[in-house]
Amino acid sequence: MQARPLEGIRVVDYSHFLAGPYVGRCLAALGAEVIKVERPGSGDAGRQHATVLDDEQSGYFLQLNMGKRGVSVDMKDPRGKDFMQRLCDSADVFIENYRPGALTKLGLGYEALCARNPRLVYCSISAYGHSGPDAHRAGFGLIAEAKSGIMQMIGTPGERPPLLRISLGDMYTGIHAVAAINAALLGREKSGRGQHIDMALYDTLVSMHEYAVQCYTMQGVLPEQTGHDMPTSTLYGVFRAADGDLVIAAQVDDAWKRFAALIESHGGPQGFAADPRFHSLDGRNANRTEILSVVEPWVASRSVAQVLDLLDGIDVPCAKVQRIDEVLADPQIAARGMVIEQEHPRYGKLRLPNLPFRFSDCDTTIREVAPDLGQHNADIASTLGFTAAEIDAMQAAGVLYSKRGHHD
């Protein structure tokens, strides 16, 4: 097996909540040494976010910070500032997701760190980026989802758009940041210099529009809420069976013809499959209401399993709309190793989502659990040249903070 691609790369993860920590988790999986830096006392606010297990850990934090080493530093103390400067001098990558300008006041802005360490790849993630009229504004994924036009396109016509219930803006921006960081590291091999990567949640979500922008700029058409199916791709949508919901993707001509023939042979109207109006996408879209009046009751009269069995038999893409418990029990998920099992010293066995990286010749599964607050203070300090006496003094004064009294 090869070494993981980023082994030997040191990353300072000075981020909180979701987008930044997700970047750090991905880089850790790829082999980087990721050092999670947190404020003394409460640490990353994500520690108290969702599924709180005790006064220091949550399921949310455990998922986003596995595989990292943890330090907690008081930047108000000169010794803490010295610690951070030395740490950043030793780093290849710095990740932060604060409002633009916030870290400049702490001496951790790009210009200050780059002056000391020109090879540093510095990645900023914010709601609107570091330029433009909205750069100063606060924001979360929800704000970017609303402003990007994505939220307006989903849901039932005439009703408020629903919440997406996954952090699309944060996660998608995070994985774009991972790609950009790796590209900058590769570019550094040629130039000898790092650079500032400026990622914005709003930018990322606007970039996701694969058709809506073109619909408007090329045809003057505004996308509308369509509920459970897509009027421009008949037949493609969500359907209710007798005992649950499923999705069907029969929008391609050949798949549609097989699907229509199946319906006709299993109780549907005669001539349905042969109707030439339905043999092209434009024709199906123009006659969408008539098609749905046949397909919806046909699906509703059968169980999910029956419909899936029939459609699998004719190679029409389909799937049950699964609950999370069904996802976790799915043999495909087990076969792909998409649930990590970790042994935690306090909580026992943890089952958390894996990352989708699959390499032919190295394993990117993270076995190490997320760190306690300040767990690796002493260990990291020693790599930065602090003496044992200096480390003990900083720990005793709380400059290097640890709620559980670690002395690594």
Protein backbone atom coordinates (compact mmCIF):
# COMPACT_ATOMS: atom_id res chain seq x y z
CA MET A 1 0.00 0.00 0.00
CA GLN A 2 1.16 3.53 -0.77
CA ALA A 3 1.41 6.25 1.85
CA ARG A 4 -1.65 8.47 1.88
CA PRO A 5 -1.22 11.39 -0.54
CA LEU A 6 -0.87 14.19 2.03
CA GLU A 7 1.41 12.50 4.57
CA GLY A 8 4.03 14.99 5.73
CA ILE A 9 1.70 17.98 5.28
CA ARG A 10 0.86 19.92 8.48
CA VAL A 11 -2.52 21.68 8.60
CA VAL A 12 -3.61 24.23 11.19
CA ASP A 13 -7.40 24.02 11.46
CA TYR A 14 -8.44 27.33 13.05
CA SER A 15 -12.10 26.90 12.14
CA HIS A 16 -15.40 26.12 13.82
CA PHE A 17 -18.85 24.65 13.20
CA LEU A 18 -18.95 22.95 9.79
CA ALA A 19 -17.33 24.13 6.54
CA GLY A 20 -13.79 24.58 7.90
CA PRO A 21 -13.80 21.49 10.14
CA TYR A 22 -15.07 19.42 7.21
CA VAL A 23 -12.07 20.56 5.14
CA GLY A 24 -9.76 19.53 7.97
CA ARG A 25 -11.42 16.14 8.27
CA CYS A 26 -10.98 15.51 4.55
CA LEU A 27 -7.30 16.51 4.64
CA ALA A 28 -6.75 14.24 7.66
CA ALA A 29 -8.27 11.34 5.74
CA LEU A 30 -5.84 12.06 2.91
CA GLY A 31 -2.93 11.75 5.31
CA ALA A 32 -2.23 15.27 6.56
CA GLU A 33 -1.42 16.01 10.20
CA VAL A 34 -4.36 18.26 11.11
CA ILE A 35 -4.09 20.30 14.31
CA LYS A 36 -7.43 21.57 15.57
CA VAL A 37 -6.98 24.88 17.42
CA GLU A 38 -9.75 25.91 19.84
CA ARG A 39 -10.36 28.70 22.31
CA PRO A 40 -9.96 27.92 26.02
CA GLY A 41 -13.09 27.04 27.99
CA SER A 42 -15.83 26.11 25.56
CA GLY A 43 -13.77 25.31 22.46
CA ASP A 44 -15.43 24.99 19.06
CA ALA A 45 -19.15 25.83 19.32
CA GLY A 46 -19.79 22.61 17.40
CA ARG A 47 -18.97 20.69 20.58
CA GLN A 48 -22.40 21.68 21.88
CA HIS A 49 -24.31 21.51 18.62
CA ALA A 50 -26.29 18.32 17.96
CA THR A 51 -26.47 15.00 19.84
CA VAL A 52 -24.51 16.26 22.84
CA LEU A 53 -22.91 13.36 24.68
CA ASP A 54 -21.31 15.23 27.60
CA ASP A 55 -19.99 18.69 28.48
CA GLU A 56 -17.28 18.45 25.84
CA GLN A 57 -18.38 16.32 22.91
CA SER A 58 -21.27 16.04 20.48
CA GLY A 59 -21.92 13.65 17.64
CA TYR A 60 -21.60 16.63 15.32
CA PHE A 61 -18.11 17.43 16.62
CA LEU A 62 -17.03 13.79 16.64
CA GLN A 63 -17.93 13.41 12.98
CA LEU A 64 -16.27 16.61 11.74
CA ASN A 65 -13.07 16.40 13.77
CA MET A 66 -12.04 12.76 13.72
CA GLY A 67 -8.43 12.11 12.89
CA LYS A 68 -7.22 15.49 14.17
CA ARG A 69 -4.93 16.45 17.04
CA GLY A 70 -6.31 19.06 19.42
CA VAL A 71 -4.80 22.12 21.10
CA SER A 72 -6.48 24.93 23.03
CA VAL A 73 -4.57 28.21 23.26
CA ASP A 74 -5.15 31.52 25.01
CA MET A 75 -4.16 34.06 22.36
CA LYS A 76 -4.46 36.94 24.84
CA ASP A 77 -1.35 35.75 26.63
CA PRO A 78 1.96 36.55 24.86
CA ARG A 79 3.03 32.95 25.34
CA GLY A 80 -0.13 31.79 23.57
CA LYS A 81 0.51 34.17 20.70
CA ASP A 82 4.08 32.89 20.44
CA PHE A 83 2.77 29.32 20.39
CA MET A 84 0.40 30.15 17.52
CA GLN A 85 3.06 31.96 15.53
CA ARG A 86 5.44 29.05 15.83
CA LEU A 87 2.65 26.62 14.91
CA CYS A 88 1.75 28.61 11.80
CA ASP A 89 5.41 28.93 10.86
CA SER A 90 5.59 25.12 10.86
CA ALA A 91 2.42 24.65 8.81
CA ASP A 92 1.79 23.98 5.14
CA VAL A 93 -1.92 24.86 5.28
CA PHE A 94 -4.03 27.18 7.45
CA ILE A 95 -7.86 26.89 7.45
CA GLU A 96 -10.21 29.50 8.88
CA ASN A 97 -13.91 30.30 8.47
CA TYR A 98 -14.41 33.56 10.34
CA ARG A 99 -15.85 36.80 9.03
CA PRO A 100 -13.28 38.64 6.86
CA GLY A 101 -10.92 40.70 9.00
CA ALA A 102 -11.61 38.90 12.27
CA LEU A 103 -8.27 37.07 12.37
CA THR A 104 -6.25 40.10 11.29
CA LYS A 105 -6.81 41.54 14.76
CA LEU A 106 -5.20 38.43 16.27
CA GLY A 107 -2.18 38.54 14.00
CA LEU A 108 -3.45 35.49 12.13
CA GLY A 109 -4.52 37.16 8.89
CA TYR A 110 -3.07 36.02 5.57
CA GLU A 111 -0.64 38.92 5.17
CA ALA A 112 0.90 38.43 8.62
CA LEU A 113 1.26 34.67 8.37
CA CYS A 114 2.47 34.76 4.75
CA ALA A 115 5.17 37.28 5.65
CA ARG A 116 6.57 34.80 8.17
CA ASN A 117 5.87 31.66 6.12
CA PRO A 118 5.71 32.38 2.36
CA ARG A 119 5.02 28.69 1.54
CA LEU A 120 1.78 28.72 3.53
CA VAL A 121 -1.46 27.85 1.72
CA TYR A 122 -4.07 29.91 3.58
CA CYS A 123 -7.73 28.95 3.01
CA SER A 124 -10.54 31.28 4.09
CA ILE A 125 -14.19 30.25 4.03
CA SER A 126 -16.94 32.80 4.61
CA ALA A 127 -20.50 33.53 3.59
CA TYR A 128 -19.73 36.07 0.88
CA GLY A 129 -15.95 36.00 0.43
CA HIS A 130 -13.33 38.68 1.08
CA SER A 131 -14.44 41.09 -1.66
CA GLY A 132 -17.67 42.66 -2.85
CA PRO A 133 -20.30 44.79 -1.09
CA ASP A 134 -21.48 41.95 1.17
CA ALA A 135 -18.06 40.76 2.31
CA HIS A 136 -18.56 42.22 5.80
CA ARG A 137 -21.90 40.49 6.40
CA ALA A 138 -22.35 37.43 8.59
CA GLY A 139 -23.98 34.35 7.15
CA PHE A 140 -24.54 30.61 7.36
CA GLY A 141 -25.37 27.94 4.81
CA LEU A 142 -29.06 28.78 5.14
CA ILE A 143 -28.40 32.34 4.01
CA ALA A 144 -26.44 31.21 0.96
CA GLU A 145 -29.12 28.65 0.07
CA ALA A 146 -31.77 31.37 0.10
CA LYS A 147 -29.75 33.96 -1.82
CA SER A 148 -28.42 31.51 -4.43
CA GLY A 149 -31.82 30.78 -6.00
CA ILE A 150 -31.67 27.12 -5.01
CA MET A 151 -34.23 27.37 -2.23
CA GLN A 152 -36.73 29.18 -4.46
CA MET A 153 -36.73 26.24 -6.89
CA ILE A 154 -37.72 23.51 -4.46
CA GLY A 155 -40.94 22.65 -2.68
CA THR A 156 -44.64 22.76 -3.55
CA PRO A 157 -45.91 25.67 -5.67
CA GLY A 158 -47.55 28.34 -3.56
CA GLU A 159 -45.95 27.22 -0.30
CA ARG A 160 -42.84 28.42 1.52
CA PRO A 161 -39.74 26.58 0.31
CA PRO A 162 -38.62 23.83 2.70
CA LEU A 163 -35.32 23.70 4.52
CA LEU A 164 -32.89 21.40 2.74
CA ARG A 165 -32.07 19.61 6.04
CA ILE A 166 -28.47 19.01 4.94
CA SER A 167 -25.83 21.72 4.99
CA LEU A 168 -25.38 21.88 1.24
CA GLY A 169 -23.57 25.23 1.19
CA ASP A 170 -21.06 24.30 3.89
CA MET A 171 -20.29 20.79 2.65
CA TYR A 172 -20.06 21.72 -1.03
CA THR A 173 -17.88 24.73 -0.28
CA GLY A 174 -15.77 22.53 1.97
CA ILE A 175 -15.02 19.93 -0.68
CA HIS A 176 -14.25 22.70 -3.21
CA ALA A 177 -11.80 24.07 -0.65
CA VAL A 178 -10.17 20.64 -0.37
CA ALA A 179 -9.68 20.61 -4.14
CA ALA A 180 -8.31 24.16 -4.14
CA ILE A 181 -5.89 23.44 -1.28
CA ASN A 182 -4.50 20.39 -3.04
CA ALA A 183 -4.09 22.40 -6.26
CA ALA A 184 -2.29 25.17 -4.35
CA LEU A 185 0.03 22.63 -2.73
CA LEU A 186 0.84 21.23 -6.15
CA GLY A 187 1.39 24.74 -7.52
CA ARG A 188 3.72 25.46 -4.61
CA GLU A 189 6.01 22.71 -5.87
CA LYS A 190 6.62 24.80 -8.99
CA SER A 191 6.51 28.34 -7.58
CA GLY A 192 7.88 27.77 -4.09
CA ARG A 193 5.12 29.97 -2.67
CA GLY A 194 1.73 29.41 -1.10
CA GLN A 195 -1.27 31.66 -1.66
CA HIS A 196 -4.61 32.79 -0.26
CA ILE A 197 -7.69 30.77 -1.22
CA ASP A 198 -10.90 32.79 -0.76
CA MET A 199 -13.97 30.51 -0.69
CA ALA A 200 -17.54 31.83 -0.32
CA LEU A 201 -20.65 29.78 0.41
CA TYR A 202 -22.71 32.06 -1.83
CA ASP A 203 -20.27 31.67 -4.75
CA THR A 204 -20.25 27.91 -4.41
CA LEU A 205 -24.01 27.50 -4.48
CA VAL A 206 -24.39 29.82 -7.48
CA SER A 207 -21.80 27.66 -9.26
CA MET A 208 -23.99 24.58 -8.69
CA HIS A 209 -26.71 25.72 -11.08
CA GLU A 210 -26.41 23.30 -13.96
CA TYR A 211 -29.43 24.64 -15.91
CA ALA A 212 -31.32 27.41 -14.10
CA VAL A 213 -28.94 30.25 -15.00
CA GLN A 214 -28.91 29.24 -18.67
CA CYS A 215 -32.70 28.99 -18.71
CA TYR A 216 -32.87 32.64 -17.75
CA THR A 217 -29.90 34.07 -19.64
CA MET A 218 -30.66 32.19 -22.86
CA GLN A 219 -34.45 31.94 -22.84
CA GLY A 220 -35.67 34.43 -20.24
CA VAL A 221 -37.36 31.60 -18.31
CA LEU A 222 -37.36 31.63 -14.50
CA PRO A 223 -37.36 28.19 -12.84
CA GLU A 224 -40.43 27.58 -10.71
CA GLN A 225 -41.27 25.31 -7.81
CA THR A 226 -42.45 22.02 -9.26
CA GLY A 227 -43.14 19.86 -6.22
CA HIS A 228 -42.56 16.18 -6.85
CA ASP A 229 -41.46 15.98 -10.46
CA MET A 230 -39.50 17.90 -13.09
CA PRO A 231 -41.65 19.31 -15.94
CA THR A 232 -38.61 19.65 -18.21
CA SER A 233 -37.61 15.97 -17.80
CA THR A 234 -40.76 13.85 -17.98
CA LEU A 235 -40.72 11.29 -16.43
CA TYR A 236 -38.45 12.08 -13.52
CA GLY A 237 -39.73 12.48 -9.97
CA VAL A 238 -41.09 11.17 -6.68
CA PHE A 239 -44.10 8.86 -6.61
CA ARG A 240 -46.21 7.46 -3.79
CA ALA A 241 -46.77 3.72 -3.66
CA ALA A 242 -49.18 1.88 -1.38
CA ASP A 243 -46.66 1.67 1.47
CA GLY A 244 -44.09 4.36 0.85
CA ASP A 245 -42.40 6.65 -1.66
CA LEU A 246 -39.97 5.99 -4.48
CA VAL A 247 -38.25 7.83 -7.28
CA ILE A 248 -38.34 6.93 -10.96
CA ALA A 249 -35.97 8.25 -13.64
CA ALA A 250 -37.49 7.31 -17.02
CA GLN A 251 -36.78 10.59 -18.77
CA VAL A 252 -34.51 9.11 -21.46
CA ASP A 253 -36.39 7.95 -24.58
CA ASP A 254 -35.33 4.28 -24.44
CA ALA A 255 -36.07 4.01 -20.71
CA TRP A 256 -39.44 5.69 -21.21
CA LYS A 257 -40.45 3.23 -23.93
CA ARG A 258 -39.60 0.26 -21.70
CA PHE A 259 -41.44 1.85 -18.80
CA ALA A 260 -44.54 2.68 -20.85
CA ALA A 261 -44.64 -0.88 -22.24
CA LEU A 262 -44.40 -2.25 -18.69
CA ILE A 263 -47.30 -0.12 -17.52
CA GLU A 264 -49.45 -1.14 -20.48
CA SER A 265 -48.71 -4.82 -19.91
CA HIS A 266 -49.52 -4.53 -16.21
CA GLY A 267 -52.94 -2.97 -16.24
CA GLY A 268 -52.29 0.37 -17.91
CA PRO A 269 -54.34 1.76 -20.83
CA GLN A 270 -53.97 0.10 -24.19
CA GLY A 271 -51.90 2.10 -26.67
CA PHE A 272 -50.06 3.95 -23.93
CA ALA A 273 -46.64 2.64 -25.00
CA ALA A 274 -47.27 3.21 -28.71
CA ASP A 275 -48.55 6.79 -28.39
CA PRO A 276 -46.13 8.81 -30.59
CA ARG A 277 -46.74 11.96 -28.52
CA PHE A 278 -44.75 10.39 -25.72
CA HIS A 279 -41.77 9.17 -27.74
CA SER A 280 -39.69 12.34 -27.41
CA LEU A 281 -38.77 14.42 -24.38
CA ASP A 282 -40.50 17.51 -25.79
CA GLY A 283 -43.63 15.47 -26.44
CA ARG A 284 -43.64 13.99 -22.96
CA ASN A 285 -43.13 17.40 -21.39
CA ALA A 286 -46.01 18.86 -23.42
CA ASN A 287 -48.28 16.01 -22.31
CA ARG A 288 -46.93 15.66 -18.78
CA THR A 289 -50.31 15.95 -17.02
CA GLU A 290 -51.79 13.13 -19.08
CA ILE A 291 -48.79 10.91 -18.44
CA LEU A 292 -48.90 11.53 -14.68
CA SER A 293 -52.62 10.72 -14.63
CA VAL A 294 -51.65 7.20 -15.75
CA VAL A 295 -48.37 6.68 -13.88
CA GLU A 296 -49.40 7.97 -10.45
CA PRO A 297 -52.37 5.62 -9.89
CA TRP A 298 -50.41 2.72 -11.40
CA VAL A 299 -47.65 3.21 -8.81
CA ALA A 300 -50.13 3.89 -5.99
CA SER A 301 -51.82 0.51 -6.52
CA ARG A 302 -48.62 -1.41 -5.77
CA SER A 303 -46.10 -1.67 -2.95
CA VAL A 304 -42.70 -0.01 -3.21
CA ALA A 305 -41.05 -3.43 -3.45
CA GLN A 306 -43.34 -4.50 -6.29
CA VAL A 307 -42.67 -1.37 -8.33
CA LEU A 308 -38.92 -1.56 -7.75
CA ASP A 309 -38.87 -5.23 -8.75
CA LEU A 310 -40.73 -4.51 -11.99
CA LEU A 311 -38.56 -1.51 -12.90
CA ASP A 312 -35.30 -3.26 -12.03
CA GLY A 313 -36.41 -6.04 -14.38
CA ILE A 314 -36.48 -3.62 -17.33
CA ASP A 315 -33.43 -1.58 -16.29
CA VAL A 316 -35.26 1.66 -15.48
CA PRO A 317 -33.44 3.59 -12.70
CA CYS A 318 -35.48 3.70 -9.50
CA ALA A 319 -35.06 3.69 -5.73
CA LYS A 320 -37.03 3.73 -2.53
CA VAL A 321 -37.03 7.01 -0.60
CA GLN A 322 -35.17 5.62 2.40
CA ARG A 323 -35.09 6.65 6.06
CA ILE A 324 -31.71 6.97 7.76
CA ASP A 325 -32.13 3.61 9.52
CA GLU A 326 -32.68 1.99 6.13
CA VAL A 327 -29.62 3.72 4.72
CA LEU A 328 -27.47 2.39 7.57
CA ALA A 329 -28.79 -1.14 6.96
CA ASP A 330 -28.29 -0.95 3.17
CA PRO A 331 -25.91 -3.72 1.97
CA GLN A 332 -24.49 -1.34 -0.64
CA ILE A 333 -23.44 1.11 2.08
CA ALA A 334 -21.86 -1.74 4.03
CA ALA A 335 -20.02 -2.99 0.95
CA ARG A 336 -18.61 0.46 0.28
CA GLY A 337 -17.55 1.02 3.90
CA MET A 338 -19.59 4.21 4.15
CA VAL A 339 -20.13 3.87 7.91
CA ILE A 340 -17.04 4.09 10.12
CA GLU A 341 -16.89 2.22 13.40
CA GLN A 342 -14.61 3.85 15.96
CA GLU A 343 -13.88 2.82 19.53
CA HIS A 344 -14.08 5.84 21.83
CA PRO A 345 -12.52 5.66 25.31
CA ARG A 346 -15.64 7.15 26.96
CA TYR A 347 -18.55 6.42 24.63
CA GLY A 348 -17.66 2.98 23.36
CA LYS A 349 -18.42 2.09 19.76
CA LEU A 350 -19.31 5.01 17.48
CA ARG A 351 -20.86 4.67 14.02
CA LEU A 352 -20.34 7.74 11.86
CA PRO A 353 -20.50 8.56 8.14
CA ASN A 354 -17.36 7.89 6.15
CA LEU A 355 -15.94 10.08 3.38
CA PRO A 356 -16.42 8.89 -0.21
CA PHE A 357 -12.70 8.77 -1.08
CA ARG A 358 -11.69 5.46 -2.67
CA PHE A 359 -8.08 4.92 -3.69
CA SER A 360 -6.81 1.72 -5.25
CA ASP A 361 -3.61 1.61 -3.21
CA CYS A 362 -4.16 3.37 0.13
CA ASP A 363 -6.77 3.39 2.89
CA THR A 364 -8.26 6.79 3.81
CA THR A 365 -10.54 5.52 6.57
CA ILE A 366 -9.97 7.54 9.77
CA ARG A 367 -9.62 5.37 12.86
CA GLU A 368 -8.71 8.07 15.39
CA VAL A 369 -11.59 9.72 17.27
CA ALA A 370 -11.97 13.49 17.55
CA PRO A 371 -9.71 15.02 20.21
CA ASP A 372 -10.73 16.24 23.64
CA LEU A 373 -10.27 19.96 24.15
CA GLY A 374 -6.53 20.59 24.40
CA GLN A 375 -5.69 16.90 24.33
CA HIS A 376 -2.41 17.28 22.43
CA ASN A 377 -1.19 20.59 23.85
CA ALA A 378 2.08 19.28 25.26
CA ASP A 379 2.87 17.04 22.32
CA ILE A 380 2.42 19.80 19.76
CA ALA A 381 4.26 22.35 21.90
CA SER A 382 7.27 20.04 22.10
CA THR A 383 7.43 19.82 18.29
CA LEU A 384 7.58 23.63 18.20
CA GLY A 385 10.68 23.79 20.40
CA PHE A 386 9.13 24.62 23.77
CA THR A 387 10.93 23.07 26.74
CA ALA A 388 9.22 20.80 29.23
CA ALA A 389 9.41 23.53 31.84
CA GLU A 390 7.84 26.08 29.49
CA ILE A 391 5.07 23.65 28.60
CA ASP A 392 4.33 22.89 32.24
CA ALA A 393 4.18 26.61 33.04
CA MET A 394 1.83 27.33 30.14
CA GLN A 395 -0.44 24.46 31.15
CA ALA A 396 -0.46 25.52 34.79
CA ALA A 397 -1.42 29.07 33.76
CA GLY A 398 -4.12 27.89 31.35
CA VAL A 399 -2.33 29.37 28.34
CA LEU A 400 -2.46 25.85 26.99
CA TYR A 401 -5.92 24.88 28.21
CA SER A 402 -7.19 21.36 28.81
CA LYS A 403 -10.48 20.59 30.47
CA ARG A 404 -9.43 17.01 31.19
CA GLY A 405 -5.89 17.77 32.32
CA HIS A 406 -4.08 16.02 29.49
CA HIS A 407 -0.30 15.99 29.71
CA ASP A 408 0.63 14.36 26.43
